[in-house]
Amino acid sequence: MKKIIIILTSLILLALIVIFGMFILNKNGKKEKLTTIKLAEVTHSMFYAPLYVAIENGLFEDEGLNIDLILTSGADKVSAAVLSNTVDIGFAGPESAIYVYKNGEKDYLVTFAGLTKRDGQFIVAREKIDDFTIEDLYGKEVLAGRVGGMPILNFLNGVKNSNSDINKINVNTSIDFASLSGTFISGVGDFVNLFELSVYKRNLYYH
């Protein structure tokens, strides 16, 4: 009886080892078949959390894809990376494709998908303002991003939708998006137009 139990136990252990081995081999084989996609993202932000969650949870791997995410600050740099075949896909605002098309490039960019549908920006101040309104920006310098970029377009649209007078706001368009937070922290401007959590450790206030 004891020999039978030992034999059965050995067979069960052997079966488990074989099954586990097959699982590992299958898993490794699956990883070897993954197609790597180089993806240049214009900025790293919580606003793009759906993309990061999908990558970390292996949703792309389930489709046979390995995503190589590369931070490429600035829509112009993302466009250049795609056009030079340095990356396969560029993740930036649709204005990047418009810039390239307007310049008469034969091999222009094509916008084929959207990840976000809402504005992820906040007006950031040095001091807390209770019951903030757009009128609090009147007579102040606001770092809003370069002309034509999605950050400043969203800012201008927000001012328009609030029925405020943009002419009463000193909009600084000389700073590119990637440099907005650093420039503001250095002391330039009264307000800055930023994505969420960009400078949360600096005792600044989002409105």
N, C-alpha and C. Protein backbone atom coordinates (compact mmCIF):
# COMPACT_ATOMS: atom_id res chain seq x y z
N MET A 1 0.83 -1.20 0.00
CA MET A 1 0.00 0.00 0.00
C MET A 1 0.88 1.27 0.00
N LYS A 2 1.94 1.19 0.85
CA LYS A 2 2.84 2.33 0.94
C LYS A 2 3.55 2.57 -0.38
N LYS A 3 3.93 1.50 -1.09
CA LYS A 3 4.59 1.64 -2.40
C LYS A 3 3.67 2.30 -3.40
N ILE A 4 2.39 1.92 -3.36
CA ILE A 4 1.41 2.50 -4.28
C ILE A 4 1.28 4.00 -4.05
N ILE A 5 1.23 4.40 -2.77
CA ILE A 5 1.11 5.82 -2.44
C ILE A 5 2.34 6.59 -2.92
N ILE A 6 3.51 5.99 -2.71
CA ILE A 6 4.76 6.63 -3.15
C ILE A 6 4.78 6.77 -4.67
N ILE A 7 4.34 5.72 -5.38
CA ILE A 7 4.32 5.76 -6.84
C ILE A 7 3.34 6.82 -7.33
N LEU A 8 2.14 6.87 -6.74
CA LEU A 8 1.12 7.85 -7.15
C LEU A 8 1.61 9.28 -6.87
N THR A 9 2.22 9.47 -5.72
CA THR A 9 2.75 10.79 -5.37
C THR A 9 3.84 11.23 -6.35
N SER A 10 4.69 10.30 -6.70
CA SER A 10 5.77 10.58 -7.65
C SER A 10 5.21 10.95 -9.01
N LEU A 11 4.17 10.22 -9.44
CA LEU A 11 3.55 10.50 -10.74
C LEU A 11 2.89 11.88 -10.75
N ILE A 12 2.24 12.21 -9.64
CA ILE A 12 1.58 13.52 -9.54
C ILE A 12 2.62 14.63 -9.60
N LEU A 13 3.72 14.49 -8.84
CA LEU A 13 4.79 15.48 -8.86
C LEU A 13 5.41 15.61 -10.24
N LEU A 14 5.61 14.48 -10.89
CA LEU A 14 6.18 14.48 -12.24
C LEU A 14 5.26 15.20 -13.21
N ALA A 15 3.95 14.94 -13.06
CA ALA A 15 2.97 15.59 -13.93
C ALA A 15 2.97 17.10 -13.72
N LEU A 16 3.06 17.51 -12.45
CA LEU A 16 3.09 18.94 -12.14
C LEU A 16 4.33 19.60 -12.71
N ILE A 17 5.47 18.92 -12.61
CA ILE A 17 6.73 19.45 -13.15
C ILE A 17 6.63 19.61 -14.66
N VAL A 18 6.07 18.63 -15.34
CA VAL A 18 5.90 18.67 -16.80
C VAL A 18 4.99 19.82 -17.20
N ILE A 19 3.85 19.95 -16.49
CA ILE A 19 2.89 21.03 -16.80
C ILE A 19 3.52 22.39 -16.58
N PHE A 20 4.26 22.55 -15.45
CA PHE A 20 4.92 23.82 -15.15
C PHE A 20 5.97 24.14 -16.20
N GLY A 21 6.72 23.11 -16.60
CA GLY A 21 7.74 23.30 -17.62
C GLY A 21 7.15 23.74 -18.95
N MET A 22 6.03 23.11 -19.32
CA MET A 22 5.35 23.47 -20.57
C MET A 22 4.84 24.91 -20.51
N PHE A 23 4.36 25.32 -19.32
CA PHE A 23 3.86 26.69 -19.14
C PHE A 23 4.98 27.71 -19.34
N ILE A 24 6.13 27.41 -18.72
CA ILE A 24 7.29 28.32 -18.84
C ILE A 24 7.76 28.40 -20.28
N LEU A 25 7.86 27.25 -20.95
CA LEU A 25 8.30 27.23 -22.35
C LEU A 25 7.33 28.00 -23.22
N ASN A 26 6.04 27.84 -22.97
CA ASN A 26 5.02 28.52 -23.76
C ASN A 26 5.09 30.02 -23.54
N LYS A 27 5.32 30.39 -22.26
CA LYS A 27 5.40 31.81 -21.92
C LYS A 27 6.61 32.45 -22.58
N ASN A 28 7.75 31.76 -22.50
CA ASN A 28 8.97 32.29 -23.12
C ASN A 28 8.84 32.35 -24.63
N GLY A 29 8.19 31.34 -25.18
CA GLY A 29 7.98 31.32 -26.63
C GLY A 29 7.12 32.46 -27.08
N LYS A 30 6.11 32.77 -26.24
CA LYS A 30 5.21 33.87 -26.55
C LYS A 30 5.96 35.20 -26.55
N LYS A 31 6.88 35.36 -25.55
CA LYS A 31 7.64 36.60 -25.47
C LYS A 31 8.56 36.77 -26.67
N GLU A 32 9.12 35.65 -27.15
CA GLU A 32 10.03 35.72 -28.28
C GLU A 32 9.31 36.15 -29.56
N LYS A 33 8.02 35.93 -29.62
CA LYS A 33 7.25 36.25 -30.81
C LYS A 33 6.73 37.68 -30.80
N LEU A 34 6.97 38.42 -29.70
CA LEU A 34 6.46 39.79 -29.60
C LEU A 34 7.12 40.70 -30.63
N THR A 35 6.31 41.57 -31.21
CA THR A 35 6.80 42.58 -32.15
C THR A 35 7.01 43.88 -31.38
N THR A 36 8.22 44.42 -31.41
CA THR A 36 8.51 45.64 -30.66
C THR A 36 8.09 46.88 -31.46
N ILE A 37 7.34 47.73 -30.79
CA ILE A 37 6.90 49.00 -31.37
C ILE A 37 7.54 50.14 -30.58
N LYS A 38 8.32 50.98 -31.24
CA LYS A 38 8.92 52.13 -30.58
C LYS A 38 7.92 53.29 -30.62
N LEU A 39 7.53 53.74 -29.44
CA LEU A 39 6.51 54.78 -29.32
C LEU A 39 7.10 56.01 -28.63
N ALA A 40 7.13 57.15 -29.33
CA ALA A 40 7.65 58.40 -28.76
C ALA A 40 6.49 59.19 -28.17
N GLU A 41 6.54 59.46 -26.85
CA GLU A 41 5.48 60.25 -26.21
C GLU A 41 5.97 61.66 -25.97
N VAL A 42 5.11 62.62 -26.20
CA VAL A 42 5.48 64.03 -26.15
C VAL A 42 5.78 64.49 -24.72
N THR A 43 5.13 63.88 -23.73
CA THR A 43 5.38 64.20 -22.33
C THR A 43 4.89 63.05 -21.47
N HIS A 44 5.46 62.93 -20.27
CA HIS A 44 5.05 61.86 -19.36
C HIS A 44 4.11 62.47 -18.34
N SER A 45 2.84 62.05 -18.33
CA SER A 45 1.85 62.67 -17.47
C SER A 45 0.78 61.68 -17.03
N MET A 46 0.19 61.93 -15.87
CA MET A 46 -0.93 61.12 -15.39
C MET A 46 -2.12 61.21 -16.34
N PHE A 47 -2.13 62.26 -17.15
CA PHE A 47 -3.21 62.43 -18.13
C PHE A 47 -3.25 61.27 -19.11
N TYR A 48 -2.09 60.62 -19.30
CA TYR A 48 -2.00 59.51 -20.23
C TYR A 48 -1.99 58.16 -19.50
N ALA A 49 -2.55 58.13 -18.31
CA ALA A 49 -2.56 56.92 -17.49
C ALA A 49 -3.11 55.68 -18.21
N PRO A 50 -4.15 55.80 -19.05
CA PRO A 50 -4.65 54.60 -19.75
C PRO A 50 -3.57 53.86 -20.54
N LEU A 51 -2.67 54.61 -21.16
CA LEU A 51 -1.58 53.99 -21.92
C LEU A 51 -0.64 53.23 -21.00
N TYR A 52 -0.26 53.86 -19.88
CA TYR A 52 0.67 53.22 -18.96
C TYR A 52 0.06 51.98 -18.31
N VAL A 53 -1.21 52.06 -17.97
CA VAL A 53 -1.90 50.92 -17.36
C VAL A 53 -1.95 49.74 -18.33
N ALA A 54 -2.23 50.04 -19.59
CA ALA A 54 -2.28 48.99 -20.61
C ALA A 54 -0.93 48.31 -20.78
N ILE A 55 0.14 49.12 -20.76
CA ILE A 55 1.49 48.56 -20.91
C ILE A 55 1.85 47.70 -19.71
N GLU A 56 1.65 48.23 -18.50
CA GLU A 56 2.04 47.53 -17.28
C GLU A 56 1.23 46.26 -17.04
N ASN A 57 0.00 46.24 -17.52
CA ASN A 57 -0.85 45.07 -17.32
C ASN A 57 -0.76 44.05 -18.46
N GLY A 58 0.18 44.29 -19.38
CA GLY A 58 0.43 43.32 -20.44
C GLY A 58 -0.63 43.23 -21.51
N LEU A 59 -1.45 44.25 -21.64
CA LEU A 59 -2.51 44.21 -22.65
C LEU A 59 -1.94 44.23 -24.07
N PHE A 60 -0.83 44.92 -24.25
CA PHE A 60 -0.20 44.94 -25.57
C PHE A 60 0.47 43.60 -25.85
N GLU A 61 1.06 43.01 -24.81
CA GLU A 61 1.70 41.70 -24.99
C GLU A 61 0.68 40.65 -25.38
N ASP A 62 -0.53 40.79 -24.86
CA ASP A 62 -1.61 39.85 -25.22
C ASP A 62 -1.91 39.91 -26.71
N GLU A 63 -1.59 41.05 -27.32
CA GLU A 63 -1.81 41.23 -28.76
C GLU A 63 -0.53 41.00 -29.56
N GLY A 64 0.52 40.49 -28.87
CA GLY A 64 1.78 40.18 -29.55
C GLY A 64 2.69 41.38 -29.73
N LEU A 65 2.49 42.43 -28.90
CA LEU A 65 3.27 43.65 -29.05
C LEU A 65 4.08 43.97 -27.80
N ASN A 66 5.30 44.44 -28.00
CA ASN A 66 6.13 44.95 -26.91
C ASN A 66 6.32 46.44 -27.16
N ILE A 67 5.84 47.28 -26.23
CA ILE A 67 5.90 48.72 -26.42
C ILE A 67 7.16 49.30 -25.78
N ASP A 68 8.01 49.90 -26.61
CA ASP A 68 9.21 50.58 -26.15
C ASP A 68 8.87 52.06 -26.08
N LEU A 69 8.50 52.54 -24.87
CA LEU A 69 8.04 53.91 -24.69
C LEU A 69 9.23 54.85 -24.49
N ILE A 70 9.31 55.88 -25.35
CA ILE A 70 10.45 56.80 -25.32
C ILE A 70 9.95 58.23 -25.12
N LEU A 71 10.41 58.89 -24.05
CA LEU A 71 10.02 60.27 -23.80
C LEU A 71 10.71 61.18 -24.81
N THR A 72 9.91 61.90 -25.59
CA THR A 72 10.43 62.78 -26.63
C THR A 72 9.73 64.13 -26.49
N SER A 73 10.26 64.98 -25.64
CA SER A 73 9.61 66.24 -25.29
C SER A 73 9.44 67.18 -26.48
N GLY A 74 8.19 67.57 -26.73
CA GLY A 74 7.90 68.50 -27.81
C GLY A 74 7.31 67.81 -29.03
N ALA A 75 6.19 68.34 -29.53
CA ALA A 75 5.54 67.74 -30.69
C ALA A 75 6.43 67.77 -31.92
N ASP A 76 7.26 68.82 -32.03
CA ASP A 76 8.17 68.91 -33.18
C ASP A 76 9.20 67.79 -33.16
N LYS A 77 9.68 67.46 -31.96
CA LYS A 77 10.68 66.38 -31.84
C LYS A 77 10.04 65.02 -32.08
N VAL A 78 8.79 64.87 -31.66
CA VAL A 78 8.06 63.62 -31.93
C VAL A 78 7.89 63.44 -33.44
N SER A 79 7.52 64.51 -34.12
CA SER A 79 7.35 64.47 -35.57
C SER A 79 8.66 64.09 -36.26
N ALA A 80 9.75 64.71 -35.82
CA ALA A 80 11.06 64.44 -36.42
C ALA A 80 11.45 62.98 -36.21
N ALA A 81 11.15 62.43 -35.04
CA ALA A 81 11.49 61.05 -34.74
C ALA A 81 10.74 60.08 -35.64
N VAL A 82 9.47 60.39 -35.90
CA VAL A 82 8.66 59.53 -36.78
C VAL A 82 9.14 59.63 -38.22
N LEU A 83 9.36 60.86 -38.69
CA LEU A 83 9.77 61.06 -40.08
C LEU A 83 11.15 60.48 -40.39
N SER A 84 12.00 60.41 -39.37
CA SER A 84 13.35 59.86 -39.57
C SER A 84 13.40 58.36 -39.32
N ASN A 85 12.22 57.78 -39.03
CA ASN A 85 12.11 56.33 -38.75
C ASN A 85 12.86 55.90 -37.50
N THR A 86 13.12 56.87 -36.60
CA THR A 86 13.74 56.54 -35.32
C THR A 86 12.74 55.79 -34.43
N VAL A 87 11.46 56.14 -34.58
CA VAL A 87 10.38 55.46 -33.86
C VAL A 87 9.31 55.05 -34.87
N ASP A 88 8.43 54.17 -34.43
CA ASP A 88 7.36 53.70 -35.32
C ASP A 88 6.11 54.57 -35.21
N ILE A 89 5.82 55.03 -33.99
CA ILE A 89 4.61 55.82 -33.76
C ILE A 89 4.94 57.01 -32.86
N GLY A 90 4.36 58.15 -33.15
CA GLY A 90 4.53 59.34 -32.31
C GLY A 90 3.25 59.64 -31.56
N PHE A 91 3.37 59.88 -30.26
CA PHE A 91 2.21 60.21 -29.43
C PHE A 91 2.30 61.68 -29.06
N ALA A 92 1.51 62.52 -29.76
CA ALA A 92 1.54 63.96 -29.53
C ALA A 92 0.21 64.54 -30.00
N GLY A 93 0.07 65.85 -29.84
CA GLY A 93 -1.15 66.51 -30.28
C GLY A 93 -1.27 66.48 -31.79
N PRO A 94 -2.50 66.58 -32.33
CA PRO A 94 -2.73 66.52 -33.77
C PRO A 94 -2.09 67.67 -34.54
N GLU A 95 -1.72 68.72 -33.81
CA GLU A 95 -1.09 69.86 -34.50
C GLU A 95 0.23 69.47 -35.13
N SER A 96 0.89 68.44 -34.59
CA SER A 96 2.17 68.01 -35.14
C SER A 96 2.03 67.55 -36.59
N ALA A 97 0.93 66.86 -36.88
CA ALA A 97 0.68 66.41 -38.26
C ALA A 97 0.36 67.59 -39.17
N ILE A 98 -0.33 68.58 -38.62
CA ILE A 98 -0.69 69.77 -39.40
C ILE A 98 0.56 70.56 -39.78
N TYR A 99 1.49 70.71 -38.83
CA TYR A 99 2.74 71.44 -39.10
C TYR A 99 3.47 70.81 -40.29
N VAL A 100 3.60 69.50 -40.24
CA VAL A 100 4.35 68.79 -41.28
C VAL A 100 3.65 68.92 -42.63
N TYR A 101 2.35 68.76 -42.64
CA TYR A 101 1.57 68.84 -43.89
C TYR A 101 1.65 70.25 -44.48
N LYS A 102 1.58 71.25 -43.62
CA LYS A 102 1.61 72.64 -44.08
C LYS A 102 2.95 72.99 -44.70
N ASN A 103 4.03 72.34 -44.23
CA ASN A 103 5.37 72.62 -44.76
C ASN A 103 5.63 71.93 -46.10
N GLY A 104 4.64 71.19 -46.58
CA GLY A 104 4.76 70.58 -47.90
C GLY A 104 5.55 69.30 -47.96
N GLU A 105 5.70 68.63 -46.81
CA GLU A 105 6.43 67.36 -46.79
C GLU A 105 5.66 66.31 -47.59
N LYS A 106 6.38 65.56 -48.43
CA LYS A 106 5.73 64.51 -49.21
C LYS A 106 5.35 63.32 -48.32
N ASP A 107 6.23 63.03 -47.38
CA ASP A 107 5.99 61.91 -46.46
C ASP A 107 5.43 62.48 -45.16
N TYR A 108 4.19 62.95 -45.21
CA TYR A 108 3.63 63.62 -44.05
C TYR A 108 3.05 62.62 -43.03
N LEU A 109 2.78 63.13 -41.84
CA LEU A 109 2.27 62.30 -40.75
C LEU A 109 0.77 62.06 -40.91
N VAL A 110 0.30 60.95 -40.38
CA VAL A 110 -1.13 60.62 -40.41
C VAL A 110 -1.61 60.38 -38.99
N THR A 111 -2.61 61.13 -38.56
CA THR A 111 -3.21 60.91 -37.25
C THR A 111 -4.24 59.79 -37.39
N PHE A 112 -4.04 58.70 -36.64
CA PHE A 112 -4.91 57.54 -36.84
C PHE A 112 -5.64 57.08 -35.57
N ALA A 113 -5.34 57.66 -34.42
CA ALA A 113 -6.01 57.23 -33.19
C ALA A 113 -5.92 58.33 -32.14
N GLY A 114 -6.84 58.29 -31.19
CA GLY A 114 -6.85 59.26 -30.10
C GLY A 114 -6.90 58.54 -28.76
N LEU A 115 -6.14 59.04 -27.79
CA LEU A 115 -6.14 58.44 -26.46
C LEU A 115 -6.96 59.25 -25.48
N THR A 116 -6.95 60.57 -25.62
CA THR A 116 -7.68 61.44 -24.69
C THR A 116 -8.71 62.28 -25.43
N LYS A 117 -9.72 62.71 -24.70
CA LYS A 117 -10.78 63.52 -25.29
C LYS A 117 -11.07 64.79 -24.49
N ARG A 118 -10.30 65.02 -23.45
CA ARG A 118 -10.53 66.17 -22.59
C ARG A 118 -9.21 66.89 -22.33
N ASP A 119 -9.31 68.15 -21.90
CA ASP A 119 -8.14 68.95 -21.59
C ASP A 119 -7.57 68.52 -20.24
N GLY A 120 -6.28 68.19 -20.21
CA GLY A 120 -5.65 67.76 -18.96
C GLY A 120 -4.85 68.84 -18.29
N GLN A 121 -5.15 70.10 -18.58
CA GLN A 121 -4.32 71.20 -18.09
C GLN A 121 -4.96 71.96 -16.92
N PHE A 122 -4.09 72.58 -16.15
CA PHE A 122 -4.52 73.40 -15.02
C PHE A 122 -3.78 74.73 -15.06
N ILE A 123 -4.41 75.76 -14.51
CA ILE A 123 -3.73 77.04 -14.31
C ILE A 123 -3.07 76.95 -12.95
N VAL A 124 -1.74 77.09 -12.93
CA VAL A 124 -0.98 76.94 -11.69
C VAL A 124 -0.52 78.31 -11.20
N ALA A 125 -0.72 78.55 -9.90
CA ALA A 125 -0.36 79.83 -9.30
C ALA A 125 0.67 79.64 -8.19
N ARG A 126 1.31 80.72 -7.80
CA ARG A 126 2.27 80.67 -6.70
C ARG A 126 1.57 80.74 -5.34
N GLU A 127 0.40 81.35 -5.32
CA GLU A 127 -0.36 81.48 -4.09
C GLU A 127 -1.78 80.95 -4.30
N LYS A 128 -2.37 80.47 -3.22
CA LYS A 128 -3.72 79.94 -3.30
C LYS A 128 -4.72 81.06 -3.52
N ILE A 129 -5.64 80.84 -4.46
CA ILE A 129 -6.68 81.83 -4.75
C ILE A 129 -8.04 81.18 -4.53
N ASP A 130 -8.77 81.65 -3.54
CA ASP A 130 -10.10 81.10 -3.27
C ASP A 130 -11.07 81.55 -4.36
N ASP A 131 -11.93 80.61 -4.78
CA ASP A 131 -12.94 80.92 -5.80
C ASP A 131 -12.30 81.52 -7.07
N PHE A 132 -11.28 80.84 -7.56
CA PHE A 132 -10.55 81.31 -8.74
C PHE A 132 -11.46 81.43 -9.97
N THR A 133 -11.27 82.51 -10.74
CA THR A 133 -11.93 82.69 -12.03
C THR A 133 -10.88 83.16 -13.03
N ILE A 134 -11.21 83.09 -14.30
CA ILE A 134 -10.28 83.53 -15.34
C ILE A 134 -9.94 85.00 -15.18
N GLU A 135 -10.87 85.78 -14.63
CA GLU A 135 -10.62 87.21 -14.44
C GLU A 135 -9.44 87.46 -13.50
N ASP A 136 -9.08 86.47 -12.69
CA ASP A 136 -7.92 86.63 -11.81
C ASP A 136 -6.62 86.71 -12.60
N LEU A 137 -6.69 86.36 -13.89
CA LEU A 137 -5.51 86.42 -14.75
C LEU A 137 -5.33 87.80 -15.39
N TYR A 138 -6.32 88.66 -15.28
CA TYR A 138 -6.26 89.98 -15.90
C TYR A 138 -5.05 90.77 -15.37
N GLY A 139 -4.27 91.30 -16.30
CA GLY A 139 -3.11 92.09 -15.93
C GLY A 139 -1.91 91.26 -15.49
N LYS A 140 -2.04 89.92 -15.57
CA LYS A 140 -0.96 89.03 -15.15
C LYS A 140 -0.30 88.34 -16.34
N GLU A 141 0.95 87.90 -16.13
CA GLU A 141 1.66 87.16 -17.17
C GLU A 141 1.41 85.66 -16.99
N VAL A 142 0.93 85.02 -18.06
CA VAL A 142 0.62 83.59 -18.02
C VAL A 142 1.50 82.86 -19.03
N LEU A 143 2.30 81.90 -18.55
CA LEU A 143 3.09 81.07 -19.45
C LEU A 143 2.15 79.99 -19.99
N ALA A 144 1.85 80.06 -21.28
CA ALA A 144 0.80 79.19 -21.82
C ALA A 144 1.27 78.21 -22.88
N GLY A 145 2.54 78.26 -23.27
CA GLY A 145 3.02 77.35 -24.31
C GLY A 145 3.20 78.06 -25.64
N ARG A 146 3.81 77.38 -26.58
CA ARG A 146 4.08 77.96 -27.90
C ARG A 146 2.80 78.12 -28.73
N VAL A 147 2.81 79.10 -29.63
CA VAL A 147 1.68 79.35 -30.53
C VAL A 147 1.43 78.12 -31.40
N GLY A 148 0.17 77.70 -31.48
CA GLY A 148 -0.20 76.58 -32.32
C GLY A 148 -0.20 75.24 -31.61
N GLY A 149 0.41 75.17 -30.43
CA GLY A 149 0.45 73.91 -29.69
C GLY A 149 -0.87 73.65 -28.97
N MET A 150 -1.14 72.38 -28.65
CA MET A 150 -2.38 72.04 -27.96
C MET A 150 -2.51 72.71 -26.60
N PRO A 151 -1.43 72.85 -25.80
CA PRO A 151 -1.58 73.51 -24.50
C PRO A 151 -2.16 74.91 -24.60
N ILE A 152 -1.57 75.73 -25.49
CA ILE A 152 -2.07 77.11 -25.58
C ILE A 152 -3.44 77.17 -26.26
N LEU A 153 -3.69 76.26 -27.20
CA LEU A 153 -5.00 76.23 -27.85
C LEU A 153 -6.10 75.91 -26.84
N ASN A 154 -5.82 74.96 -25.96
CA ASN A 154 -6.79 74.63 -24.92
C ASN A 154 -6.97 75.78 -23.93
N PHE A 155 -5.86 76.47 -23.64
CA PHE A 155 -5.93 77.62 -22.74
C PHE A 155 -6.80 78.72 -23.34
N LEU A 156 -6.54 79.04 -24.60
CA LEU A 156 -7.32 80.09 -25.27
C LEU A 156 -8.78 79.70 -25.38
N ASN A 157 -9.04 78.42 -25.62
CA ASN A 157 -10.42 77.95 -25.71
C ASN A 157 -11.12 78.07 -24.35
N GLY A 158 -10.38 77.79 -23.27
CA GLY A 158 -10.95 77.92 -21.94
C GLY A 158 -11.31 79.36 -21.62
N VAL A 159 -10.43 80.29 -22.00
CA VAL A 159 -10.70 81.71 -21.78
C VAL A 159 -11.93 82.13 -22.58
N LYS A 160 -12.01 81.66 -23.82
CA LYS A 160 -13.15 81.99 -24.67
C LYS A 160 -14.46 81.46 -24.10
N ASN A 161 -14.44 80.21 -23.64
CA ASN A 161 -15.66 79.60 -23.10
C ASN A 161 -16.12 80.23 -21.79
N SER A 162 -15.20 80.91 -21.10
CA SER A 162 -15.57 81.59 -19.86
C SER A 162 -16.06 83.01 -20.10
N ASN A 163 -16.12 83.39 -21.41
CA ASN A 163 -16.55 84.73 -21.81
C ASN A 163 -15.65 85.82 -21.22
N SER A 164 -14.37 85.49 -21.07
CA SER A 164 -13.39 86.47 -20.55
C SER A 164 -12.66 87.12 -21.72
N ASP A 165 -12.00 88.24 -21.43
CA ASP A 165 -11.30 89.02 -22.45
C ASP A 165 -9.83 88.62 -22.48
N ILE A 166 -9.41 87.90 -23.52
CA ILE A 166 -8.04 87.44 -23.64
C ILE A 166 -7.07 88.61 -23.77
N ASN A 167 -7.55 89.73 -24.27
CA ASN A 167 -6.69 90.90 -24.46
C ASN A 167 -6.24 91.53 -23.13
N LYS A 168 -6.91 91.15 -22.04
CA LYS A 168 -6.55 91.67 -20.74
C LYS A 168 -5.54 90.77 -20.02
N ILE A 169 -5.14 89.69 -20.69
CA ILE A 169 -4.19 88.74 -20.11
C ILE A 169 -2.88 88.80 -20.89
N ASN A 170 -1.78 88.89 -20.20
CA ASN A 170 -0.46 88.93 -20.83
C ASN A 170 -0.01 87.48 -21.06
N VAL A 171 -0.33 86.94 -22.25
CA VAL A 171 -0.03 85.54 -22.56
C VAL A 171 1.38 85.42 -23.13
N ASN A 172 2.25 84.72 -22.42
CA ASN A 172 3.64 84.52 -22.85
C ASN A 172 3.70 83.25 -23.69
N THR A 173 4.00 83.40 -24.97
CA THR A 173 4.05 82.25 -25.88
C THR A 173 5.48 81.88 -26.29
N SER A 174 6.45 82.35 -25.54
CA SER A 174 7.85 82.15 -25.92
C SER A 174 8.46 80.88 -25.31
N ILE A 175 7.72 80.21 -24.43
CA ILE A 175 8.26 79.04 -23.73
C ILE A 175 7.64 77.76 -24.28
N ASP A 176 8.46 76.80 -24.69
CA ASP A 176 7.91 75.53 -25.18
C ASP A 176 7.36 74.72 -24.00
N PHE A 177 6.47 73.78 -24.31
CA PHE A 177 5.74 73.04 -23.28
C PHE A 177 6.66 72.34 -22.29
N ALA A 178 7.72 71.73 -22.79
CA ALA A 178 8.62 70.96 -21.91
C ALA A 178 9.34 71.85 -20.91
N SER A 179 9.44 73.14 -21.19
CA SER A 179 10.19 74.05 -20.32
C SER A 179 9.29 74.92 -19.44
N LEU A 180 7.98 74.75 -19.55
CA LEU A 180 7.05 75.62 -18.82
C LEU A 180 7.24 75.55 -17.31
N SER A 181 7.24 74.32 -16.76
CA SER A 181 7.33 74.20 -15.30
C SER A 181 8.64 74.74 -14.77
N GLY A 182 9.76 74.39 -15.41
CA GLY A 182 11.06 74.86 -14.96
C GLY A 182 11.19 76.37 -15.03
N THR A 183 10.66 76.95 -16.10
CA THR A 183 10.72 78.41 -16.26
C THR A 183 9.90 79.11 -15.19
N PHE A 184 8.72 78.55 -14.91
CA PHE A 184 7.86 79.14 -13.89
C PHE A 184 8.48 79.04 -12.51
N ILE A 185 9.04 77.88 -12.19
CA ILE A 185 9.68 77.68 -10.90
C ILE A 185 10.87 78.63 -10.71
N SER A 186 11.52 78.99 -11.82
CA SER A 186 12.67 79.90 -11.74
C SER A 186 12.25 81.35 -11.46
N GLY A 187 10.94 81.62 -11.53
CA GLY A 187 10.46 82.96 -11.18
C GLY A 187 9.81 83.73 -12.31
N VAL A 188 9.74 83.15 -13.49
CA VAL A 188 9.14 83.85 -14.64
C VAL A 188 7.62 83.65 -14.64
N GLY A 189 6.87 84.73 -14.85
CA GLY A 189 5.43 84.64 -14.97
C GLY A 189 4.70 84.63 -13.64
N ASP A 190 3.40 85.00 -13.70
CA ASP A 190 2.55 84.98 -12.51
C ASP A 190 1.74 83.69 -12.42
N PHE A 191 1.44 83.11 -13.60
CA PHE A 191 0.71 81.84 -13.68
C PHE A 191 1.34 81.01 -14.80
N VAL A 192 1.06 79.70 -14.77
CA VAL A 192 1.55 78.83 -15.83
C VAL A 192 0.50 77.79 -16.16
N ASN A 193 0.44 77.40 -17.41
CA ASN A 193 -0.53 76.44 -17.92
C ASN A 193 0.14 75.07 -17.99
N LEU A 194 -0.22 74.15 -17.06
CA LEU A 194 0.48 72.87 -16.95
C LEU A 194 -0.47 71.68 -16.85
N PHE A 195 0.08 70.50 -17.19
CA PHE A 195 -0.64 69.26 -16.90
C PHE A 195 -0.62 69.04 -15.40
N GLU A 196 -1.53 68.19 -14.92
CA GLU A 196 -1.62 67.90 -13.49
C GLU A 196 -0.37 67.23 -12.94
N LEU A 197 -0.07 67.49 -11.71
CA LEU A 197 1.02 66.86 -10.96
C LEU A 197 2.42 67.18 -11.48
N SER A 198 2.54 68.13 -12.39
CA SER A 198 3.85 68.43 -12.96
C SER A 198 4.81 68.99 -11.92
N VAL A 199 4.32 69.82 -11.02
CA VAL A 199 5.19 70.47 -10.04
C VAL A 199 4.57 70.40 -8.64
N TYR A 200 3.96 69.27 -8.32
CA TYR A 200 3.21 69.17 -7.07
C TYR A 200 4.07 69.28 -5.82
N LYS A 201 5.38 69.12 -5.93
CA LYS A 201 6.25 69.18 -4.76
C LYS A 201 6.77 70.60 -4.51
N ARG A 202 6.35 71.55 -5.31
CA ARG A 202 6.92 72.88 -5.23
C ARG A 202 6.01 73.88 -4.49
N ASN A 203 5.00 73.40 -3.77
CA ASN A 203 4.08 74.27 -3.05
C ASN A 203 3.38 75.27 -3.97
N LEU A 204 3.03 74.83 -5.16
CA LEU A 204 2.27 75.65 -6.08
C LEU A 204 0.80 75.20 -6.05
N TYR A 205 -0.06 76.01 -6.61
CA TYR A 205 -1.50 75.76 -6.48
C TYR A 205 -2.18 75.63 -7.83
N TYR A 206 -2.97 74.57 -7.97
CA TYR A 206 -3.69 74.30 -9.21
C TYR A 206 -5.10 74.86 -9.14
N HIS A 207 -5.53 75.51 -10.23
CA HIS A 207 -6.87 76.09 -10.27
C HIS A 207 -7.59 75.65 -11.53
